[in-house]
Amino acid sequence: MQRSHPSILSLSRLALRALVLINFAVGAFILFMLVASFAAGDRFFFMLGARVDANPALVPAMRLIMVIGIGGVPIAHVLLTRLLAIVETVRVGDPFVPPNATRLQTIAWALLGLELLHLAVGAVAAAASTKAAPLDIGWSISITDWLAILLLFVLARVFDQGTRMREDLEGTV
C-alpha cells in the first residue's frame, strides 16, 4: 500500500523555492561585500575584524574567498533546481523516470563542485593565515559531505538501471 505525504512534498517544494531565492540573495550580498571591500578598503576589513595591519595578505585572501563564494551561487542553483524537479516528479506520482537519474548525477557533480570550492576556501584561508593575524573562518573538512557525494553518484546509477529495467519490463508486457 502506497502512502502519500503531500504535506511533506509541499513543504519540500516551498523550502527548495525559498532556498533558490536565498541562494541568489546570499550571492548578491557577497557581491556587495566584494564591491564594498574595494570602495572602503582597509576600513571594511577592520569592521570585519581582520587585522590587515598585522597581515596584509588577508585582504586579497578575503576577496578571493568572496569570489569563490560568488562562484558557488550558480552551482548551488543547479543543485537546488534539479532537486526541485525531482520533487515535482514525486508529486505527480512517477519519480522513476530517466531524467531523474540524470538529475541525481547532476546534483552529485554540483555537490562535488561545491565541496571543491569549500576546499579552495580552506586552502586560501590557511595560506593567508599567520600566527599574529590568522584568517579564522571556522573551516573544517567533513567526511560526511564526501560520503554524500559518493552516495548520490551511486543512487544516480541505481535510478538509471531501475528505469531501464522498468522500460524493458513495460516493453515485454
N, C-alpha and C. Protein backbone atom coordinates (compact mmCIF):
# COMPACT_ATOMS: atom_id res chain seq x y z
N MET A 1 0.84 -1.18 0.00
CA MET A 1 0.00 0.00 0.00
C MET A 1 0.89 1.25 0.00
N GLN A 2 0.66 2.12 -0.97
CA GLN A 2 1.46 3.32 -1.09
C GLN A 2 0.87 4.42 -0.23
N ARG A 3 1.74 5.06 0.56
CA ARG A 3 1.30 6.16 1.40
C ARG A 3 1.81 7.45 0.82
N SER A 4 0.96 8.40 0.71
CA SER A 4 1.32 9.71 0.17
C SER A 4 1.55 10.68 1.31
N HIS A 5 2.52 11.54 1.13
CA HIS A 5 2.82 12.56 2.12
C HIS A 5 2.79 13.93 1.45
N PRO A 6 1.57 14.38 1.06
CA PRO A 6 1.50 15.64 0.32
C PRO A 6 2.01 16.84 1.11
N SER A 7 1.82 16.82 2.43
CA SER A 7 2.28 17.98 3.21
C SER A 7 3.81 18.05 3.23
N ILE A 8 4.47 16.91 3.28
CA ILE A 8 5.93 16.89 3.25
C ILE A 8 6.43 17.34 1.88
N LEU A 9 5.77 16.88 0.82
CA LEU A 9 6.17 17.31 -0.52
C LEU A 9 5.93 18.80 -0.71
N SER A 10 4.81 19.30 -0.24
CA SER A 10 4.53 20.73 -0.35
C SER A 10 5.55 21.54 0.42
N LEU A 11 5.88 21.08 1.61
CA LEU A 11 6.88 21.76 2.42
C LEU A 11 8.25 21.70 1.74
N SER A 12 8.59 20.56 1.14
CA SER A 12 9.86 20.43 0.42
C SER A 12 9.92 21.39 -0.76
N ARG A 13 8.84 21.46 -1.52
CA ARG A 13 8.80 22.38 -2.66
C ARG A 13 8.94 23.82 -2.20
N LEU A 14 8.24 24.16 -1.15
CA LEU A 14 8.32 25.52 -0.62
C LEU A 14 9.74 25.82 -0.13
N ALA A 15 10.32 24.89 0.61
CA ALA A 15 11.68 25.09 1.13
C ALA A 15 12.70 25.23 0.00
N LEU A 16 12.57 24.40 -1.02
CA LEU A 16 13.52 24.47 -2.13
C LEU A 16 13.37 25.79 -2.91
N ARG A 17 12.15 26.21 -3.11
CA ARG A 17 11.94 27.50 -3.79
C ARG A 17 12.51 28.64 -2.96
N ALA A 18 12.32 28.57 -1.65
CA ALA A 18 12.89 29.60 -0.77
C ALA A 18 14.42 29.56 -0.82
N LEU A 19 14.99 28.36 -0.84
CA LEU A 19 16.44 28.24 -0.90
C LEU A 19 17.01 28.79 -2.20
N VAL A 20 16.28 28.64 -3.30
CA VAL A 20 16.72 29.23 -4.57
C VAL A 20 16.82 30.74 -4.42
N LEU A 21 15.81 31.35 -3.82
CA LEU A 21 15.82 32.80 -3.61
C LEU A 21 16.91 33.21 -2.62
N ILE A 22 17.05 32.46 -1.55
CA ILE A 22 18.09 32.75 -0.56
C ILE A 22 19.47 32.64 -1.18
N ASN A 23 19.66 31.65 -2.04
CA ASN A 23 20.94 31.47 -2.71
C ASN A 23 21.30 32.73 -3.51
N PHE A 24 20.33 33.26 -4.27
CA PHE A 24 20.59 34.48 -5.04
C PHE A 24 20.84 35.67 -4.11
N ALA A 25 20.10 35.75 -3.01
CA ALA A 25 20.28 36.86 -2.07
C ALA A 25 21.67 36.80 -1.43
N VAL A 26 22.10 35.62 -1.06
CA VAL A 26 23.44 35.47 -0.47
C VAL A 26 24.51 35.84 -1.50
N GLY A 27 24.31 35.40 -2.74
CA GLY A 27 25.26 35.77 -3.80
C GLY A 27 25.33 37.27 -3.99
N ALA A 28 24.18 37.93 -3.99
CA ALA A 28 24.14 39.39 -4.13
C ALA A 28 24.83 40.06 -2.94
N PHE A 29 24.61 39.53 -1.74
CA PHE A 29 25.25 40.10 -0.55
C PHE A 29 26.77 39.94 -0.62
N ILE A 30 27.23 38.79 -1.05
CA ILE A 30 28.68 38.58 -1.16
C ILE A 30 29.26 39.52 -2.22
N LEU A 31 28.55 39.68 -3.33
CA LEU A 31 29.00 40.62 -4.37
C LEU A 31 29.05 42.04 -3.81
N PHE A 32 28.04 42.42 -3.04
CA PHE A 32 28.04 43.73 -2.39
C PHE A 32 29.26 43.88 -1.48
N MET A 33 29.54 42.84 -0.72
CA MET A 33 30.71 42.90 0.18
C MET A 33 32.01 43.03 -0.62
N LEU A 34 32.11 42.32 -1.73
CA LEU A 34 33.30 42.41 -2.56
C LEU A 34 33.49 43.83 -3.09
N VAL A 35 32.42 44.41 -3.59
CA VAL A 35 32.49 45.79 -4.08
C VAL A 35 32.84 46.74 -2.94
N ALA A 36 32.21 46.54 -1.79
CA ALA A 36 32.49 47.38 -0.62
C ALA A 36 33.93 47.25 -0.16
N SER A 37 34.52 46.08 -0.34
CA SER A 37 35.91 45.89 0.09
C SER A 37 36.86 46.73 -0.75
N PHE A 38 36.49 46.98 -2.00
CA PHE A 38 37.32 47.86 -2.83
C PHE A 38 37.01 49.33 -2.55
N ALA A 39 35.73 49.64 -2.32
CA ALA A 39 35.32 51.02 -2.09
C ALA A 39 35.81 51.55 -0.74
N ALA A 40 35.71 50.72 0.30
CA ALA A 40 36.06 51.19 1.65
C ALA A 40 37.47 50.79 2.06
N GLY A 41 38.08 49.88 1.35
CA GLY A 41 39.47 49.50 1.63
C GLY A 41 39.65 48.88 3.01
N ASP A 42 40.70 49.33 3.68
CA ASP A 42 41.06 48.75 4.98
C ASP A 42 39.98 48.92 6.04
N ARG A 43 39.21 50.00 5.94
CA ARG A 43 38.12 50.20 6.92
C ARG A 43 37.12 49.06 6.88
N PHE A 44 36.84 48.57 5.67
CA PHE A 44 35.91 47.45 5.51
C PHE A 44 36.42 46.22 6.25
N PHE A 45 37.68 45.90 6.05
CA PHE A 45 38.26 44.72 6.68
C PHE A 45 38.39 44.90 8.19
N PHE A 46 38.66 46.14 8.63
CA PHE A 46 38.71 46.42 10.06
C PHE A 46 37.34 46.17 10.69
N MET A 47 36.27 46.58 9.99
CA MET A 47 34.92 46.36 10.50
C MET A 47 34.59 44.87 10.58
N LEU A 48 35.22 44.08 9.73
CA LEU A 48 35.02 42.63 9.77
C LEU A 48 35.88 41.97 10.85
N GLY A 49 36.77 42.74 11.45
CA GLY A 49 37.63 42.20 12.50
C GLY A 49 38.94 41.63 11.99
N ALA A 50 39.25 41.87 10.73
CA ALA A 50 40.50 41.36 10.17
C ALA A 50 41.64 42.30 10.55
N ARG A 51 42.74 41.73 10.95
CA ARG A 51 43.92 42.52 11.34
C ARG A 51 44.85 42.68 10.14
N VAL A 52 44.40 43.48 9.18
CA VAL A 52 45.16 43.65 7.94
C VAL A 52 46.46 44.41 8.18
N ASP A 53 46.54 45.19 9.26
CA ASP A 53 47.79 45.88 9.57
C ASP A 53 48.87 44.87 9.97
N ALA A 54 48.47 43.78 10.62
CA ALA A 54 49.42 42.75 11.04
C ALA A 54 49.68 41.72 9.93
N ASN A 55 48.76 41.64 8.97
CA ASN A 55 48.90 40.66 7.89
C ASN A 55 48.21 41.18 6.63
N PRO A 56 48.94 41.91 5.78
CA PRO A 56 48.33 42.46 4.57
C PRO A 56 47.83 41.39 3.60
N ALA A 57 48.28 40.17 3.74
CA ALA A 57 47.82 39.09 2.85
C ALA A 57 46.35 38.74 3.08
N LEU A 58 45.78 39.22 4.18
CA LEU A 58 44.38 38.93 4.46
C LEU A 58 43.44 39.59 3.44
N VAL A 59 43.81 40.76 2.96
CA VAL A 59 42.94 41.49 2.03
C VAL A 59 42.71 40.69 0.74
N PRO A 60 43.75 40.32 0.00
CA PRO A 60 43.47 39.55 -1.22
C PRO A 60 42.85 38.18 -0.91
N ALA A 61 43.22 37.59 0.21
CA ALA A 61 42.66 36.28 0.56
C ALA A 61 41.17 36.38 0.82
N MET A 62 40.76 37.40 1.56
CA MET A 62 39.33 37.56 1.84
C MET A 62 38.56 37.89 0.57
N ARG A 63 39.15 38.67 -0.31
CA ARG A 63 38.49 38.97 -1.59
C ARG A 63 38.37 37.70 -2.44
N LEU A 64 39.42 36.89 -2.44
CA LEU A 64 39.37 35.64 -3.19
C LEU A 64 38.30 34.71 -2.64
N ILE A 65 38.17 34.67 -1.33
CA ILE A 65 37.12 33.85 -0.71
C ILE A 65 35.74 34.36 -1.12
N MET A 66 35.59 35.67 -1.24
CA MET A 66 34.31 36.22 -1.70
C MET A 66 34.03 35.81 -3.14
N VAL A 67 35.05 35.86 -3.98
CA VAL A 67 34.88 35.44 -5.38
C VAL A 67 34.50 33.96 -5.44
N ILE A 68 35.13 33.14 -4.63
CA ILE A 68 34.79 31.71 -4.58
C ILE A 68 33.34 31.55 -4.14
N GLY A 69 32.92 32.33 -3.16
CA GLY A 69 31.54 32.28 -2.70
C GLY A 69 30.56 32.64 -3.79
N ILE A 70 30.87 33.66 -4.56
CA ILE A 70 30.02 34.06 -5.69
C ILE A 70 29.99 32.94 -6.72
N GLY A 71 31.12 32.27 -6.93
CA GLY A 71 31.17 31.15 -7.87
C GLY A 71 30.33 29.97 -7.44
N GLY A 72 30.08 29.86 -6.16
CA GLY A 72 29.24 28.77 -5.67
C GLY A 72 27.76 28.98 -5.92
N VAL A 73 27.35 30.21 -6.17
CA VAL A 73 25.93 30.52 -6.36
C VAL A 73 25.32 29.78 -7.56
N PRO A 74 25.93 29.84 -8.75
CA PRO A 74 25.32 29.11 -9.86
C PRO A 74 25.36 27.59 -9.66
N ILE A 75 26.38 27.11 -8.99
CA ILE A 75 26.46 25.66 -8.72
C ILE A 75 25.34 25.25 -7.77
N ALA A 76 25.14 26.04 -6.73
CA ALA A 76 24.05 25.75 -5.79
C ALA A 76 22.70 25.87 -6.48
N HIS A 77 22.58 26.81 -7.42
CA HIS A 77 21.33 26.96 -8.17
C HIS A 77 21.02 25.69 -8.98
N VAL A 78 22.03 25.16 -9.64
CA VAL A 78 21.84 23.91 -10.39
C VAL A 78 21.38 22.81 -9.46
N LEU A 79 22.05 22.67 -8.33
CA LEU A 79 21.70 21.63 -7.36
C LEU A 79 20.25 21.78 -6.90
N LEU A 80 19.88 22.98 -6.50
CA LEU A 80 18.54 23.21 -5.95
C LEU A 80 17.44 23.02 -7.00
N THR A 81 17.68 23.50 -8.21
CA THR A 81 16.64 23.37 -9.24
C THR A 81 16.47 21.93 -9.70
N ARG A 82 17.54 21.16 -9.74
CA ARG A 82 17.42 19.74 -10.10
C ARG A 82 16.68 18.98 -9.01
N LEU A 83 16.99 19.30 -7.76
CA LEU A 83 16.29 18.66 -6.65
C LEU A 83 14.81 19.03 -6.66
N LEU A 84 14.50 20.26 -6.98
CA LEU A 84 13.10 20.69 -7.09
C LEU A 84 12.40 19.93 -8.21
N ALA A 85 13.08 19.71 -9.31
CA ALA A 85 12.49 18.94 -10.42
C ALA A 85 12.21 17.50 -10.00
N ILE A 86 13.10 16.92 -9.21
CA ILE A 86 12.86 15.55 -8.70
C ILE A 86 11.65 15.53 -7.79
N VAL A 87 11.55 16.51 -6.91
CA VAL A 87 10.40 16.59 -6.01
C VAL A 87 9.11 16.72 -6.82
N GLU A 88 9.14 17.45 -7.91
CA GLU A 88 7.95 17.59 -8.76
C GLU A 88 7.53 16.24 -9.35
N THR A 89 8.51 15.42 -9.76
CA THR A 89 8.13 14.10 -10.31
C THR A 89 7.54 13.21 -9.22
N VAL A 90 8.01 13.37 -8.01
CA VAL A 90 7.42 12.61 -6.89
C VAL A 90 6.00 13.09 -6.66
N ARG A 91 5.79 14.39 -6.76
CA ARG A 91 4.47 14.97 -6.54
C ARG A 91 3.46 14.45 -7.56
N VAL A 92 3.87 14.30 -8.81
CA VAL A 92 2.94 13.80 -9.83
C VAL A 92 2.83 12.28 -9.82
N GLY A 93 3.65 11.63 -9.01
CA GLY A 93 3.48 10.20 -8.80
C GLY A 93 4.38 9.29 -9.62
N ASP A 94 5.38 9.83 -10.31
CA ASP A 94 6.25 8.96 -11.09
C ASP A 94 7.71 9.43 -11.00
N PRO A 95 8.36 9.15 -9.88
CA PRO A 95 9.75 9.62 -9.73
C PRO A 95 10.77 8.76 -10.47
N PHE A 96 10.39 7.55 -10.87
CA PHE A 96 11.36 6.65 -11.51
C PHE A 96 11.34 6.83 -13.02
N VAL A 97 11.78 8.01 -13.42
CA VAL A 97 11.87 8.36 -14.84
C VAL A 97 13.32 8.65 -15.19
N PRO A 98 13.72 8.41 -16.43
CA PRO A 98 15.12 8.61 -16.81
C PRO A 98 15.69 10.00 -16.48
N PRO A 99 14.92 11.08 -16.64
CA PRO A 99 15.52 12.38 -16.30
C PRO A 99 15.97 12.50 -14.84
N ASN A 100 15.31 11.76 -13.93
CA ASN A 100 15.72 11.85 -12.54
C ASN A 100 17.09 11.22 -12.29
N ALA A 101 17.43 10.21 -13.04
CA ALA A 101 18.77 9.63 -12.93
C ALA A 101 19.81 10.68 -13.34
N THR A 102 19.52 11.38 -14.43
CA THR A 102 20.42 12.44 -14.88
C THR A 102 20.46 13.57 -13.87
N ARG A 103 19.31 13.92 -13.32
CA ARG A 103 19.26 14.99 -12.31
C ARG A 103 20.08 14.62 -11.08
N LEU A 104 19.96 13.37 -10.63
CA LEU A 104 20.74 12.94 -9.47
C LEU A 104 22.24 13.01 -9.76
N GLN A 105 22.63 12.62 -10.95
CA GLN A 105 24.04 12.70 -11.30
C GLN A 105 24.50 14.16 -11.36
N THR A 106 23.67 15.03 -11.90
CA THR A 106 23.99 16.46 -11.94
C THR A 106 24.11 17.03 -10.53
N ILE A 107 23.21 16.61 -9.65
CA ILE A 107 23.28 17.05 -8.25
C ILE A 107 24.58 16.57 -7.62
N ALA A 108 24.98 15.33 -7.91
CA ALA A 108 26.23 14.80 -7.37
C ALA A 108 27.41 15.64 -7.86
N TRP A 109 27.43 15.95 -9.15
CA TRP A 109 28.52 16.78 -9.70
C TRP A 109 28.51 18.17 -9.07
N ALA A 110 27.33 18.75 -8.90
CA ALA A 110 27.22 20.08 -8.29
C ALA A 110 27.72 20.05 -6.85
N LEU A 111 27.32 19.02 -6.12
CA LEU A 111 27.78 18.91 -4.73
C LEU A 111 29.29 18.72 -4.68
N LEU A 112 29.84 17.96 -5.62
CA LEU A 112 31.29 17.81 -5.70
C LEU A 112 31.94 19.16 -5.99
N GLY A 113 31.36 19.93 -6.90
CA GLY A 113 31.89 21.27 -7.19
C GLY A 113 31.87 22.17 -5.97
N LEU A 114 30.76 22.15 -5.24
CA LEU A 114 30.68 22.95 -4.02
C LEU A 114 31.71 22.51 -2.98
N GLU A 115 31.91 21.22 -2.89
CA GLU A 115 32.88 20.71 -1.92
C GLU A 115 34.31 21.09 -2.32
N LEU A 116 34.59 21.10 -3.62
CA LEU A 116 35.91 21.54 -4.09
C LEU A 116 36.10 23.03 -3.82
N LEU A 117 35.05 23.82 -4.00
CA LEU A 117 35.13 25.25 -3.65
C LEU A 117 35.37 25.41 -2.15
N HIS A 118 34.74 24.57 -1.37
CA HIS A 118 34.94 24.59 0.08
C HIS A 118 36.41 24.30 0.43
N LEU A 119 36.99 23.33 -0.26
CA LEU A 119 38.41 23.04 -0.06
C LEU A 119 39.28 24.23 -0.46
N ALA A 120 38.91 24.89 -1.56
CA ALA A 120 39.67 26.06 -2.01
C ALA A 120 39.62 27.17 -0.97
N VAL A 121 38.46 27.38 -0.37
CA VAL A 121 38.33 28.40 0.67
C VAL A 121 39.26 28.07 1.84
N GLY A 122 39.28 26.81 2.25
CA GLY A 122 40.16 26.40 3.34
C GLY A 122 41.62 26.59 2.99
N ALA A 123 41.98 26.29 1.75
CA ALA A 123 43.37 26.47 1.32
C ALA A 123 43.77 27.94 1.31
N VAL A 124 42.87 28.79 0.82
CA VAL A 124 43.15 30.23 0.80
C VAL A 124 43.31 30.76 2.22
N ALA A 125 42.42 30.37 3.10
CA ALA A 125 42.49 30.82 4.50
C ALA A 125 43.78 30.34 5.16
N ALA A 126 44.14 29.10 4.92
CA ALA A 126 45.37 28.57 5.52
C ALA A 126 46.60 29.27 4.96
N ALA A 127 46.61 29.54 3.67
CA ALA A 127 47.77 30.18 3.05
C ALA A 127 47.95 31.62 3.53
N ALA A 128 46.86 32.31 3.82
CA ALA A 128 46.94 33.71 4.22
C ALA A 128 47.15 33.90 5.72
N SER A 129 46.88 32.87 6.49
CA SER A 129 46.94 32.98 7.94
C SER A 129 48.38 33.06 8.45
N THR A 130 48.54 33.84 9.49
CA THR A 130 49.79 33.86 10.25
C THR A 130 49.41 33.72 11.72
N LYS A 131 50.40 33.44 12.55
CA LYS A 131 50.09 33.33 13.99
C LYS A 131 49.62 34.66 14.54
N ALA A 132 50.20 35.75 14.05
CA ALA A 132 49.84 37.07 14.54
C ALA A 132 48.44 37.50 14.07
N ALA A 133 48.10 37.10 12.85
CA ALA A 133 46.80 37.51 12.29
C ALA A 133 46.23 36.37 11.46
N PRO A 134 45.60 35.40 12.13
CA PRO A 134 45.02 34.29 11.38
C PRO A 134 43.74 34.70 10.66
N LEU A 135 43.45 33.99 9.60
CA LEU A 135 42.18 34.16 8.90
C LEU A 135 41.29 33.01 9.35
N ASP A 136 40.63 33.23 10.48
CA ASP A 136 39.82 32.18 11.10
C ASP A 136 38.40 32.27 10.57
N ILE A 137 38.06 31.33 9.68
CA ILE A 137 36.72 31.32 9.09
C ILE A 137 35.90 30.13 9.57
N GLY A 138 36.43 29.41 10.55
CA GLY A 138 35.70 28.26 11.07
C GLY A 138 35.64 27.11 10.09
N TRP A 139 36.62 26.99 9.25
CA TRP A 139 36.64 25.98 8.20
C TRP A 139 37.00 24.62 8.78
N SER A 140 36.34 23.59 8.28
CA SER A 140 36.72 22.22 8.62
C SER A 140 36.28 21.30 7.49
N ILE A 141 36.91 20.17 7.40
CA ILE A 141 36.56 19.19 6.37
C ILE A 141 35.55 18.20 6.97
N SER A 142 34.63 17.75 6.13
CA SER A 142 33.61 16.82 6.62
C SER A 142 33.60 15.57 5.75
N ILE A 143 33.87 14.44 6.34
CA ILE A 143 33.82 13.18 5.62
C ILE A 143 32.39 12.86 5.19
N THR A 144 31.43 13.35 5.95
CA THR A 144 30.02 13.11 5.63
C THR A 144 29.66 13.72 4.28
N ASP A 145 30.16 14.91 3.99
CA ASP A 145 29.88 15.54 2.70
C ASP A 145 30.42 14.70 1.54
N TRP A 146 31.63 14.19 1.72
CA TRP A 146 32.24 13.37 0.67
C TRP A 146 31.49 12.04 0.50
N LEU A 147 31.02 11.47 1.59
CA LEU A 147 30.21 10.25 1.50
C LEU A 147 28.88 10.53 0.82
N ALA A 148 28.30 11.69 1.07
CA ALA A 148 27.04 12.06 0.42
C ALA A 148 27.23 12.17 -1.09
N ILE A 149 28.36 12.69 -1.52
CA ILE A 149 28.65 12.79 -2.95
C ILE A 149 28.72 11.39 -3.56
N LEU A 150 29.45 10.51 -2.91
CA LEU A 150 29.54 9.13 -3.41
C LEU A 150 28.16 8.48 -3.45
N LEU A 151 27.39 8.67 -2.41
CA LEU A 151 26.04 8.11 -2.35
C LEU A 151 25.18 8.62 -3.50
N LEU A 152 25.28 9.89 -3.81
CA LEU A 152 24.49 10.45 -4.91
C LEU A 152 24.90 9.87 -6.26
N PHE A 153 26.19 9.68 -6.48
CA PHE A 153 26.62 9.06 -7.73
C PHE A 153 26.09 7.62 -7.84
N VAL A 154 26.15 6.88 -6.73
CA VAL A 154 25.63 5.51 -6.73
C VAL A 154 24.12 5.52 -6.93
N LEU A 155 23.43 6.39 -6.23
CA LEU A 155 21.97 6.48 -6.35
C LEU A 155 21.55 6.86 -7.77
N ALA A 156 22.30 7.73 -8.41
CA ALA A 156 22.01 8.09 -9.80
C ALA A 156 22.11 6.87 -10.70
N ARG A 157 23.13 6.05 -10.45
CA ARG A 157 23.30 4.82 -11.24
C ARG A 157 22.17 3.83 -10.96
N VAL A 158 21.75 3.73 -9.70
CA VAL A 158 20.63 2.85 -9.35
C VAL A 158 19.36 3.32 -10.05
N PHE A 159 19.09 4.62 -10.04
CA PHE A 159 17.92 5.16 -10.74
C PHE A 159 17.99 4.86 -12.22
N ASP A 160 19.17 5.03 -12.81
CA ASP A 160 19.34 4.76 -14.23
C ASP A 160 19.04 3.30 -14.56
N GLN A 161 19.62 2.39 -13.79
CA GLN A 161 19.38 0.97 -14.01
C GLN A 161 17.92 0.61 -13.76
N GLY A 162 17.34 1.16 -12.71
CA GLY A 162 15.94 0.88 -12.38
C GLY A 162 14.98 1.33 -13.46
N THR A 163 15.22 2.52 -14.01
CA THR A 163 14.33 3.00 -15.05
C THR A 163 14.50 2.18 -16.34
N ARG A 164 15.70 1.74 -16.62
CA ARG A 164 15.91 0.88 -17.80
C ARG A 164 15.20 -0.46 -17.62
N MET A 165 15.32 -1.03 -16.43
CA MET A 165 14.64 -2.29 -16.16
C MET A 165 13.13 -2.12 -16.28
N ARG A 166 12.62 -1.01 -15.79
CA ARG A 166 11.18 -0.74 -15.87
C ARG A 166 10.74 -0.61 -17.32
N GLU A 167 11.52 0.11 -18.11
CA GLU A 167 11.18 0.26 -19.53
C GLU A 167 11.21 -1.09 -20.25
N ASP A 168 12.21 -1.93 -19.92
CA ASP A 168 12.28 -3.27 -20.53
C ASP A 168 11.07 -4.09 -20.14
N LEU A 169 10.67 -4.00 -18.87
CA LEU A 169 9.52 -4.75 -18.38
C LEU A 169 8.24 -4.27 -19.06
N GLU A 170 8.08 -2.98 -19.20
CA GLU A 170 6.90 -2.45 -19.85
C GLU A 170 6.87 -2.84 -21.33
N GLY A 171 8.04 -2.98 -21.94
CA GLY A 171 8.12 -3.36 -23.34
C GLY A 171 7.76 -4.82 -23.59
N THR A 172 7.90 -5.65 -22.56
CA THR A 172 7.59 -7.08 -22.72
C THR A 172 6.15 -7.41 -22.38
N VAL A 173 5.47 -6.49 -21.72
CA VAL A 173 4.09 -6.77 -21.30
C VAL A 173 3.12 -6.42 -22.38
